[in-house]
Amino acid sequence: MAVKKTPSKSARVKKSQALARQAPKSSRPVLPKVYGVPANLEGSLSWDWARDRIADSHNYLITTVRPDSRPHSMVVWGIWLDNAYYFSTGSTTRKSKNLAANPHCVVCNENIAEAVIVEGQARQLAVGEIPQAAFGLYQKKYGWKLDPDLGPVFKVTPRVVFAMPEKLFPAGATRWIFD
Protein backbone atom coordinates (compact mmCIF):
# COMPACT_ATOMS: atom_id res chain seq x y z
CA MET A 1 0.00 0.00 0.00
CA ALA A 2 1.40 3.36 -1.05
CA VAL A 3 1.71 6.07 1.56
CA LYS A 4 0.48 9.46 0.42
CA LYS A 5 3.20 12.02 0.98
CA THR A 6 2.12 15.35 2.50
CA PRO A 7 3.64 18.37 0.71
CA SER A 8 6.27 20.26 2.69
CA LYS A 9 5.47 23.67 4.14
CA SER A 10 7.66 25.40 1.52
CA ALA A 11 5.85 23.51 -1.29
CA ARG A 12 2.47 24.58 0.14
CA VAL A 13 3.67 28.19 0.43
CA LYS A 14 4.94 28.18 -3.17
CA LYS A 15 1.63 26.73 -4.41
CA SER A 16 -0.30 29.35 -2.43
CA GLN A 17 1.85 32.15 -3.87
CA ALA A 18 1.42 30.83 -7.42
CA LEU A 19 -2.36 30.73 -6.95
CA ALA A 20 -2.32 34.29 -5.59
CA ARG A 21 -0.56 35.53 -8.72
CA GLN A 22 -3.10 33.94 -11.05
CA ALA A 23 -5.42 36.25 -12.88
CA PRO A 24 -8.98 36.46 -11.58
CA LYS A 25 -11.92 35.80 -13.91
CA SER A 26 -12.71 38.76 -16.16
CA SER A 27 -16.20 39.87 -17.16
CA ARG A 28 -18.13 43.07 -17.74
CA PRO A 29 -19.44 45.35 -15.00
CA VAL A 30 -23.21 45.63 -14.81
CA LEU A 31 -24.10 49.08 -16.15
CA PRO A 32 -27.21 50.50 -17.84
CA LYS A 33 -27.28 49.80 -21.61
CA VAL A 34 -27.11 53.53 -22.33
CA TYR A 35 -23.39 53.43 -21.43
CA GLY A 36 -22.68 51.13 -24.38
CA VAL A 37 -20.51 48.58 -22.57
CA PRO A 38 -20.17 45.60 -24.93
CA ALA A 39 -21.74 42.31 -23.89
CA ASN A 40 -18.67 40.38 -25.04
CA LEU A 41 -15.10 40.81 -23.77
CA GLU A 42 -13.75 42.38 -26.96
CA GLY A 43 -11.80 45.49 -25.94
CA SER A 44 -11.79 44.53 -22.27
CA LEU A 45 -8.60 45.01 -20.31
CA SER A 46 -6.13 42.41 -19.13
CA TRP A 47 -5.63 41.73 -15.45
CA ASP A 48 -2.02 42.86 -15.95
CA TRP A 49 -3.32 46.32 -16.97
CA ALA A 50 -5.31 46.69 -13.75
CA ARG A 51 -2.69 45.08 -11.52
CA ASP A 52 0.02 47.42 -12.83
CA ARG A 53 -2.08 50.52 -12.14
CA ILE A 54 -3.05 49.46 -8.65
CA ALA A 55 0.53 48.39 -7.85
CA ASP A 56 2.17 51.50 -9.32
CA SER A 57 -0.11 54.01 -7.63
CA HIS A 58 1.66 56.07 -4.96
CA ASN A 59 -1.42 57.28 -3.09
CA TYR A 60 -4.63 55.34 -2.61
CA LEU A 61 -8.08 56.24 -1.44
CA ILE A 62 -9.66 53.84 1.03
CA THR A 63 -13.35 53.99 1.87
CA THR A 64 -14.63 52.32 5.02
CA VAL A 65 -18.01 52.34 6.78
CA ARG A 66 -18.62 54.09 10.10
CA PRO A 67 -20.69 52.35 12.80
CA ASP A 68 -23.65 54.60 11.88
CA SER A 69 -23.33 53.44 8.22
CA ARG A 70 -21.87 56.70 6.89
CA PRO A 71 -18.92 56.27 4.51
CA HIS A 72 -15.44 57.50 5.40
CA SER A 73 -12.70 58.01 2.78
CA MET A 74 -9.06 58.79 3.42
CA VAL A 75 -5.76 58.80 1.53
CA VAL A 76 -3.35 56.00 2.48
CA TRP A 77 -0.05 54.55 1.33
CA GLY A 78 0.16 50.87 0.56
CA ILE A 79 1.41 48.10 -1.67
CA TRP A 80 -0.14 45.51 -3.94
CA LEU A 81 1.38 42.08 -3.40
CA ASP A 82 0.13 38.64 -4.52
CA ASN A 83 -3.37 39.88 -5.41
CA ALA A 84 -3.92 41.73 -2.14
CA TYR A 85 -3.49 45.30 -0.89
CA TYR A 86 -1.47 45.94 2.29
CA PHE A 87 -1.43 49.17 4.27
CA SER A 88 -0.77 50.41 7.77
CA THR A 89 -2.52 53.05 9.83
CA GLY A 90 -2.68 54.19 13.42
CA SER A 91 -4.84 52.08 15.71
CA THR A 92 -6.87 55.14 16.76
CA THR A 93 -7.64 56.38 13.23
CA ARG A 94 -11.21 56.42 11.95
CA LYS A 95 -10.41 53.87 9.22
CA SER A 96 -8.86 51.47 11.74
CA LYS A 97 -11.86 51.75 14.05
CA ASN A 98 -14.25 51.34 11.13
CA LEU A 99 -12.47 48.22 9.88
CA ALA A 100 -12.55 46.69 13.34
CA ALA A 101 -16.36 46.95 13.28
CA ASN A 102 -16.91 46.26 9.56
CA PRO A 103 -14.10 44.84 7.39
CA HIS A 104 -15.75 45.74 4.06
CA CYS A 105 -13.91 48.48 2.21
CA VAL A 106 -13.03 49.93 -1.18
CA VAL A 107 -9.50 50.85 -2.31
CA CYS A 108 -8.88 53.02 -5.40
CA ASN A 109 -5.72 54.01 -7.19
CA GLU A 110 -4.80 57.70 -7.48
CA ASN A 111 -5.21 58.09 -11.26
CA ILE A 112 -8.94 58.44 -11.76
CA ALA A 113 -8.51 58.66 -15.56
CA GLU A 114 -7.34 55.02 -15.33
CA ALA A 115 -9.47 54.07 -12.35
CA VAL A 116 -9.03 50.70 -10.68
CA ILE A 117 -11.51 50.05 -7.88
CA VAL A 118 -10.91 47.19 -5.43
CA GLU A 119 -13.86 45.99 -3.34
CA GLY A 120 -12.90 43.61 -0.58
CA GLN A 121 -12.44 42.86 3.08
CA ALA A 122 -9.64 44.07 5.31
CA ARG A 123 -8.11 42.00 8.06
CA GLN A 124 -5.61 43.20 10.62
CA LEU A 125 -2.53 40.99 10.44
CA ALA A 126 -0.40 39.63 13.22
CA VAL A 127 3.26 40.50 12.72
CA GLY A 128 4.07 36.94 11.63
CA GLU A 129 1.36 37.06 8.95
CA ILE A 130 2.86 40.04 7.11
CA PRO A 131 4.69 38.76 4.01
CA GLN A 132 8.41 39.46 4.25
CA ALA A 133 8.33 40.94 0.74
CA ALA A 134 5.89 43.62 1.97
CA PHE A 135 8.53 45.26 4.16
CA GLY A 136 11.02 45.69 1.31
CA LEU A 137 8.39 46.82 -1.21
CA TYR A 138 7.02 49.43 1.17
CA GLN A 139 10.50 50.75 2.03
CA LYS A 140 11.47 50.95 -1.66
CA LYS A 141 8.23 52.65 -2.67
CA TYR A 142 7.99 55.25 0.10
CA GLY A 143 11.42 55.43 1.75
CA TRP A 144 9.47 54.65 4.92
CA LYS A 145 9.46 51.56 7.07
CA LEU A 146 6.33 49.40 7.23
CA ASP A 147 6.38 49.12 11.00
CA PRO A 148 3.68 47.17 12.85
CA ASP A 149 4.87 48.85 16.07
CA LEU A 150 3.63 52.21 14.70
CA GLY A 151 0.18 50.87 13.84
CA PRO A 152 -1.65 47.82 12.63
CA VAL A 153 -1.00 46.39 9.17
CA PHE A 154 -4.08 45.40 7.19
CA LYS A 155 -4.50 43.09 4.23
CA VAL A 156 -7.38 43.85 1.88
CA THR A 157 -8.43 40.70 0.05
CA PRO A 158 -10.36 41.63 -3.08
CA ARG A 159 -13.77 40.20 -3.88
CA VAL A 160 -14.15 42.14 -7.13
CA VAL A 161 -12.04 44.70 -9.00
CA PHE A 162 -13.32 47.16 -11.60
CA ALA A 163 -11.45 49.14 -14.26
CA MET A 164 -13.12 52.25 -15.63
CA PRO A 165 -10.51 53.89 -17.88
CA GLU A 166 -11.80 57.17 -19.28
CA LYS A 167 -10.09 57.04 -22.70
CA LEU A 168 -10.90 53.35 -23.24
CA PHE A 169 -14.55 53.58 -22.11
CA PRO A 170 -16.90 51.88 -22.78
CA ALA A 171 -15.00 48.93 -24.32
CA GLY A 172 -12.34 49.03 -21.60
CA ALA A 173 -14.81 48.74 -18.72
CA THR A 174 -13.82 45.45 -17.10
CA ARG A 175 -14.65 43.54 -13.93
CA TRP A 176 -12.57 40.79 -12.31
CA ILE A 177 -14.07 38.36 -9.84
CA PHE A 178 -11.86 36.71 -7.24
CA ASP A 179 -12.68 33.27 -5.86
C-alpha atoms as a PDB file:
ATOM      1  CA  MET A   1       0.000   0.000   0.000  1.00  0.00           C
ATOM      2  CA  ALA A   2       1.404   3.361  -1.053  1.00  0.00           C
ATOM      3  CA  VAL A   3       1.710   6.072   1.563  1.00  0.00           C
ATOM      4  CA  LYS A   4       0.485   9.465   0.418  1.00  0.00           C
ATOM      5  CA  LYS A   5       3.204  12.023   0.984  1.00  0.00           C
ATOM      6  CA  THR A   6       2.121  15.351   2.502  1.00  0.00           C
ATOM      7  CA  PRO A   7       3.637  18.371   0.707  1.00  0.00           C
ATOM      8  CA  SER A   8       6.269  20.257   2.688  1.00  0.00           C
ATOM      9  CA  LYS A   9       5.469  23.666   4.145  1.00  0.00           C
ATOM     10  CA  SER A  10       7.661  25.395   1.517  1.00  0.00           C
ATOM     11  CA  ALA A  11       5.847  23.514  -1.286  1.00  0.00           C
ATOM     12  CA  ARG A  12       2.469  24.584   0.143  1.00  0.00           C
ATOM     13  CA  VAL A  13       3.667  28.191   0.434  1.00  0.00           C
ATOM     14  CA  LYS A  14       4.936  28.180  -3.174  1.00  0.00           C
ATOM     15  CA  LYS A  15       1.632  26.727  -4.406  1.00  0.00           C
ATOM     16  CA  SER A  16      -0.299  29.350  -2.435  1.00  0.00           C
ATOM     17  CA  GLN A  17       1.853  32.145  -3.873  1.00  0.00           C
ATOM     18  CA  ALA A  18       1.416  30.831  -7.417  1.00  0.00           C
ATOM     19  CA  LEU A  19      -2.360  30.734  -6.953  1.00  0.00           C
ATOM     20  CA  ALA A  20      -2.324  34.290  -5.588  1.00  0.00           C
ATOM     21  CA  ARG A  21      -0.565  35.528  -8.721  1.00  0.00           C
ATOM     22  CA  GLN A  22      -3.097  33.939 -11.052  1.00  0.00           C
ATOM     23  CA  ALA A  23      -5.416  36.247 -12.879  1.00  0.00           C
ATOM     24  CA  PRO A  24      -8.975  36.463 -11.579  1.00  0.00           C
ATOM     25  CA  LYS A  25     -11.916  35.798 -13.909  1.00  0.00           C
ATOM     26  CA  SER A  26     -12.714  38.761 -16.162  1.00  0.00           C
ATOM     27  CA  SER A  27     -16.197  39.870 -17.163  1.00  0.00           C
ATOM     28  CA  ARG A  28     -18.128  43.070 -17.740  1.00  0.00           C
ATOM     29  CA  PRO A  29     -19.444  45.353 -15.002  1.00  0.00           C
ATOM     30  CA  VAL A  30     -23.208  45.633 -14.812  1.00  0.00           C
ATOM     31  CA  LEU A  31     -24.102  49.082 -16.151  1.00  0.00           C
ATOM     32  CA  PRO A  32     -27.212  50.497 -17.835  1.00  0.00           C
ATOM     33  CA  LYS A  33     -27.280  49.797 -21.609  1.00  0.00           C
ATOM     34  CA  VAL A  34     -27.109  53.530 -22.332  1.00  0.00           C
ATOM     35  CA  TYR A  35     -23.385  53.433 -21.426  1.00  0.00           C
ATOM     36  CA  GLY A  36     -22.675  51.130 -24.385  1.00  0.00           C
ATOM     37  CA  VAL A  37     -20.507  48.583 -22.573  1.00  0.00           C
ATOM     38  CA  PRO A  38     -20.171  45.602 -24.931  1.00  0.00           C
ATOM     39  CA  ALA A  39     -21.741  42.313 -23.887  1.00  0.00           C
ATOM     40  CA  ASN A  40     -18.667  40.376 -25.040  1.00  0.00           C
ATOM     41  CA  LEU A  41     -15.095  40.806 -23.766  1.00  0.00           C
ATOM     42  CA  GLU A  42     -13.748  42.378 -26.962  1.00  0.00           C
ATOM     43  CA  GLY A  43     -11.797  45.487 -25.940  1.00  0.00           C
ATOM     44  CA  SER A  44     -11.788  44.530 -22.267  1.00  0.00           C
ATOM     45  CA  LEU A  45      -8.600  45.011 -20.310  1.00  0.00           C
ATOM     46  CA  SER A  46      -6.132  42.407 -19.126  1.00  0.00           C
ATOM     47  CA  TRP A  47      -5.628  41.729 -15.447  1.00  0.00           C
ATOM     48  CA  ASP A  48      -2.016  42.864 -15.953  1.00  0.00           C
ATOM     49  CA  TRP A  49      -3.315  46.319 -16.973  1.00  0.00           C
ATOM     50  CA  ALA A  50      -5.312  46.687 -13.751  1.00  0.00           C
ATOM     51  CA  ARG A  51      -2.688  45.081 -11.521  1.00  0.00           C
ATOM     52  CA  ASP A  52       0.017  47.424 -12.825  1.00  0.00           C
ATOM     53  CA  ARG A  53      -2.079  50.517 -12.139  1.00  0.00           C
ATOM     54  CA  ILE A  54      -3.047  49.458  -8.649  1.00  0.00           C
ATOM     55  CA  ALA A  55       0.531  48.386  -7.848  1.00  0.00           C
ATOM     56  CA  ASP A  56       2.172  51.499  -9.320  1.00  0.00           C
ATOM     57  CA  SER A  57      -0.113  54.012  -7.628  1.00  0.00           C
ATOM     58  CA  HIS A  58       1.657  56.068  -4.960  1.00  0.00           C
ATOM     59  CA  ASN A  59      -1.415  57.285  -3.090  1.00  0.00           C
ATOM     60  CA  TYR A  60      -4.632  55.342  -2.610  1.00  0.00           C
ATOM     61  CA  LEU A  61      -8.084  56.238  -1.444  1.00  0.00           C
ATOM     62  CA  ILE A  62      -9.664  53.836   1.031  1.00  0.00           C
ATOM     63  CA  THR A  63     -13.348  53.988   1.873  1.00  0.00           C
ATOM     64  CA  THR A  64     -14.633  52.320   5.022  1.00  0.00           C
ATOM     65  CA  VAL A  65     -18.006  52.342   6.780  1.00  0.00           C
ATOM     66  CA  ARG A  66     -18.618  54.086  10.104  1.00  0.00           C
ATOM     67  CA  PRO A  67     -20.690  52.353  12.798  1.00  0.00           C
ATOM     68  CA  ASP A  68     -23.651  54.599  11.880  1.00  0.00           C
ATOM     69  CA  SER A  69     -23.332  53.438   8.216  1.00  0.00           C
ATOM     70  CA  ARG A  70     -21.872  56.703   6.887  1.00  0.00           C
ATOM     71  CA  PRO A  71     -18.924  56.268   4.506  1.00  0.00           C
ATOM     72  CA  HIS A  72     -15.440  57.500   5.396  1.00  0.00           C
ATOM     73  CA  SER A  73     -12.702  58.011   2.779  1.00  0.00           C
ATOM     74  CA  MET A  74      -9.056  58.791   3.420  1.00  0.00           C
ATOM     75  CA  VAL A  75      -5.757  58.799   1.533  1.00  0.00           C
ATOM     76  CA  VAL A  76      -3.352  55.996   2.484  1.00  0.00           C
ATOM     77  CA  TRP A  77      -0.054  54.551   1.333  1.00  0.00           C
ATOM     78  CA  GLY A  78       0.161  50.872   0.557  1.00  0.00           C
ATOM     79  CA  ILE A  79       1.411  48.103  -1.672  1.00  0.00           C
ATOM     80  CA  TRP A  80      -0.142  45.506  -3.945  1.00  0.00           C
ATOM     81  CA  LEU A  81       1.375  42.077  -3.403  1.00  0.00           C
ATOM     82  CA  ASP A  82       0.126  38.643  -4.518  1.00  0.00           C
ATOM     83  CA  ASN A  83      -3.367  39.875  -5.410  1.00  0.00           C
ATOM     84  CA  ALA A  84      -3.924  41.727  -2.143  1.00  0.00           C
ATOM     85  CA  TYR A  85      -3.492  45.300  -0.894  1.00  0.00           C
ATOM     86  CA  TYR A  86      -1.470  45.939   2.289  1.00  0.00           C
ATOM     87  CA  PHE A  87      -1.428  49.168   4.268  1.00  0.00           C
ATOM     88  CA  SER A  88      -0.774  50.414   7.766  1.00  0.00           C
ATOM     89  CA  THR A  89      -2.522  53.048   9.830  1.00  0.00           C
ATOM     90  CA  GLY A  90      -2.679  54.189  13.416  1.00  0.00           C
ATOM     91  CA  SER A  91      -4.837  52.080  15.711  1.00  0.00           C
ATOM     92  CA  THR A  92      -6.869  55.143  16.761  1.00  0.00           C
ATOM     93  CA  THR A  93      -7.641  56.378  13.228  1.00  0.00           C
ATOM     94  CA  ARG A  94     -11.211  56.420  11.955  1.00  0.00           C
ATOM     95  CA  LYS A  95     -10.409  53.865   9.222  1.00  0.00           C
ATOM     96  CA  SER A  96      -8.860  51.470  11.739  1.00  0.00           C
ATOM     97  CA  LYS A  97     -11.856  51.754  14.049  1.00  0.00           C
ATOM     98  CA  ASN A  98     -14.247  51.340  11.134  1.00  0.00           C
ATOM     99  CA  LEU A  99     -12.472  48.216   9.876  1.00  0.00           C
ATOM    100  CA  ALA A 100     -12.549  46.691  13.340  1.00  0.00           C
ATOM    101  CA  ALA A 101     -16.355  46.947  13.279  1.00  0.00           C
ATOM    102  CA  ASN A 102     -16.910  46.264   9.563  1.00  0.00           C
ATOM    103  CA  PRO A 103     -14.100  44.837   7.387  1.00  0.00           C
ATOM    104  CA  HIS A 104     -15.748  45.738   4.060  1.00  0.00           C
ATOM    105  CA  CYS A 105     -13.905  48.483   2.208  1.00  0.00           C
ATOM    106  CA  VAL A 106     -13.027  49.934  -1.181  1.00  0.00           C
ATOM    107  CA  VAL A 107      -9.498  50.850  -2.308  1.00  0.00           C
ATOM    108  CA  CYS A 108      -8.882  53.017  -5.398  1.00  0.00           C
ATOM    109  CA  ASN A 109      -5.717  54.013  -7.188  1.00  0.00           C
ATOM    110  CA  GLU A 110      -4.803  57.700  -7.476  1.00  0.00           C
ATOM    111  CA  ASN A 111      -5.211  58.094 -11.260  1.00  0.00           C
ATOM    112  CA  ILE A 112      -8.940  58.436 -11.764  1.00  0.00           C
ATOM    113  CA  ALA A 113      -8.514  58.660 -15.557  1.00  0.00           C
ATOM    114  CA  GLU A 114      -7.341  55.024 -15.333  1.00  0.00           C
ATOM    115  CA  ALA A 115      -9.466  54.074 -12.351  1.00  0.00           C
ATOM    116  CA  VAL A 116      -9.034  50.697 -10.680  1.00  0.00           C
ATOM    117  CA  ILE A 117     -11.509  50.049  -7.878  1.00  0.00           C
ATOM    118  CA  VAL A 118     -10.909  47.188  -5.433  1.00  0.00           C
ATOM    119  CA  GLU A 119     -13.861  45.986  -3.337  1.00  0.00           C
ATOM    120  CA  GLY A 120     -12.899  43.605  -0.576  1.00  0.00           C
ATOM    121  CA  GLN A 121     -12.437  42.864   3.075  1.00  0.00           C
ATOM    122  CA  ALA A 122      -9.641  44.075   5.306  1.00  0.00           C
ATOM    123  CA  ARG A 123      -8.111  42.002   8.060  1.00  0.00           C
ATOM    124  CA  GLN A 124      -5.606  43.203  10.616  1.00  0.00           C
ATOM    125  CA  LEU A 125      -2.527  40.988  10.436  1.00  0.00           C
ATOM    126  CA  ALA A 126      -0.400  39.628  13.221  1.00  0.00           C
ATOM    127  CA  VAL A 127       3.260  40.504  12.721  1.00  0.00           C
ATOM    128  CA  GLY A 128       4.072  36.936  11.627  1.00  0.00           C
ATOM    129  CA  GLU A 129       1.364  37.058   8.947  1.00  0.00           C
ATOM    130  CA  ILE A 130       2.861  40.038   7.109  1.00  0.00           C
ATOM    131  CA  PRO A 131       4.688  38.763   4.010  1.00  0.00           C
ATOM    132  CA  GLN A 132       8.408  39.460   4.254  1.00  0.00           C
ATOM    133  CA  ALA A 133       8.332  40.939   0.744  1.00  0.00           C
ATOM    134  CA  ALA A 134       5.893  43.622   1.974  1.00  0.00           C
ATOM    135  CA  PHE A 135       8.526  45.256   4.162  1.00  0.00           C
ATOM    136  CA  GLY A 136      11.018  45.686   1.307  1.00  0.00           C
ATOM    137  CA  LEU A 137       8.391  46.819  -1.214  1.00  0.00           C
ATOM    138  CA  TYR A 138       7.021  49.429   1.169  1.00  0.00           C
ATOM    139  CA  GLN A 139      10.501  50.751   2.029  1.00  0.00           C
ATOM    140  CA  LYS A 140      11.468  50.949  -1.656  1.00  0.00           C
ATOM    141  CA  LYS A 141       8.228  52.650  -2.670  1.00  0.00           C
ATOM    142  CA  TYR A 142       7.995  55.246   0.099  1.00  0.00           C
ATOM    143  CA  GLY A 143      11.422  55.427   1.750  1.00  0.00           C
ATOM    144  CA  TRP A 144       9.468  54.646   4.917  1.00  0.00           C
ATOM    145  CA  LYS A 145       9.457  51.560   7.073  1.00  0.00           C
ATOM    146  CA  LEU A 146       6.335  49.402   7.231  1.00  0.00           C
ATOM    147  CA  ASP A 147       6.381  49.116  10.995  1.00  0.00           C
ATOM    148  CA  PRO A 148       3.676  47.174  12.854  1.00  0.00           C
ATOM    149  CA  ASP A 149       4.874  48.851  16.066  1.00  0.00           C
ATOM    150  CA  LEU A 150       3.635  52.205  14.704  1.00  0.00           C
ATOM    151  CA  GLY A 151       0.178  50.874  13.837  1.00  0.00           C
ATOM    152  CA  PRO A 152      -1.650  47.816  12.632  1.00  0.00           C
ATOM    153  CA  VAL A 153      -1.001  46.387   9.172  1.00  0.00           C
ATOM    154  CA  PHE A 154      -4.079  45.401   7.194  1.00  0.00           C
ATOM    155  CA  LYS A 155      -4.496  43.089   4.229  1.00  0.00           C
ATOM    156  CA  VAL A 156      -7.377  43.852   1.875  1.00  0.00           C
ATOM    157  CA  THR A 157      -8.428  40.703   0.048  1.00  0.00           C
ATOM    158  CA  PRO A 158     -10.362  41.632  -3.083  1.00  0.00           C
ATOM    159  CA  ARG A 159     -13.769  40.201  -3.884  1.00  0.00           C
ATOM    160  CA  VAL A 160     -14.152  42.140  -7.126  1.00  0.00           C
ATOM    161  CA  VAL A 161     -12.042  44.705  -9.002  1.00  0.00           C
ATOM    162  CA  PHE A 162     -13.324  47.161 -11.596  1.00  0.00           C
ATOM    163  CA  ALA A 163     -11.448  49.140 -14.258  1.00  0.00           C
ATOM    164  CA  MET A 164     -13.116  52.248 -15.629  1.00  0.00           C
ATOM    165  CA  PRO A 165     -10.514  53.894 -17.879  1.00  0.00           C
ATOM    166  CA  GLU A 166     -11.795  57.170 -19.283  1.00  0.00           C
ATOM    167  CA  LYS A 167     -10.085  57.039 -22.698  1.00  0.00           C
ATOM    168  CA  LEU A 168     -10.905  53.351 -23.238  1.00  0.00           C
ATOM    169  CA  PHE A 169     -14.545  53.583 -22.115  1.00  0.00           C
ATOM    170  CA  PRO A 170     -16.898  51.875 -22.784  1.00  0.00           C
ATOM    171  CA  ALA A 171     -14.995  48.925 -24.321  1.00  0.00           C
ATOM    172  CA  GLY A 172     -12.338  49.028 -21.601  1.00  0.00           C
ATOM    173  CA  ALA A 173     -14.806  48.745 -18.724  1.00  0.00           C
ATOM    174  CA  THR A 174     -13.823  45.452 -17.096  1.00  0.00           C
ATOM    175  CA  ARG A 175     -14.652  43.544 -13.926  1.00  0.00           C
ATOM    176  CA  TRP A 176     -12.568  40.795 -12.311  1.00  0.00           C
ATOM    177  CA  ILE A 177     -14.072  38.360  -9.844  1.00  0.00           C
ATOM    178  CA  PHE A 178     -11.856  36.706  -7.238  1.00  0.00           C
ATOM    179  CA  ASP A 179     -12.677  33.267  -5.862  1.00  0.00           C
END
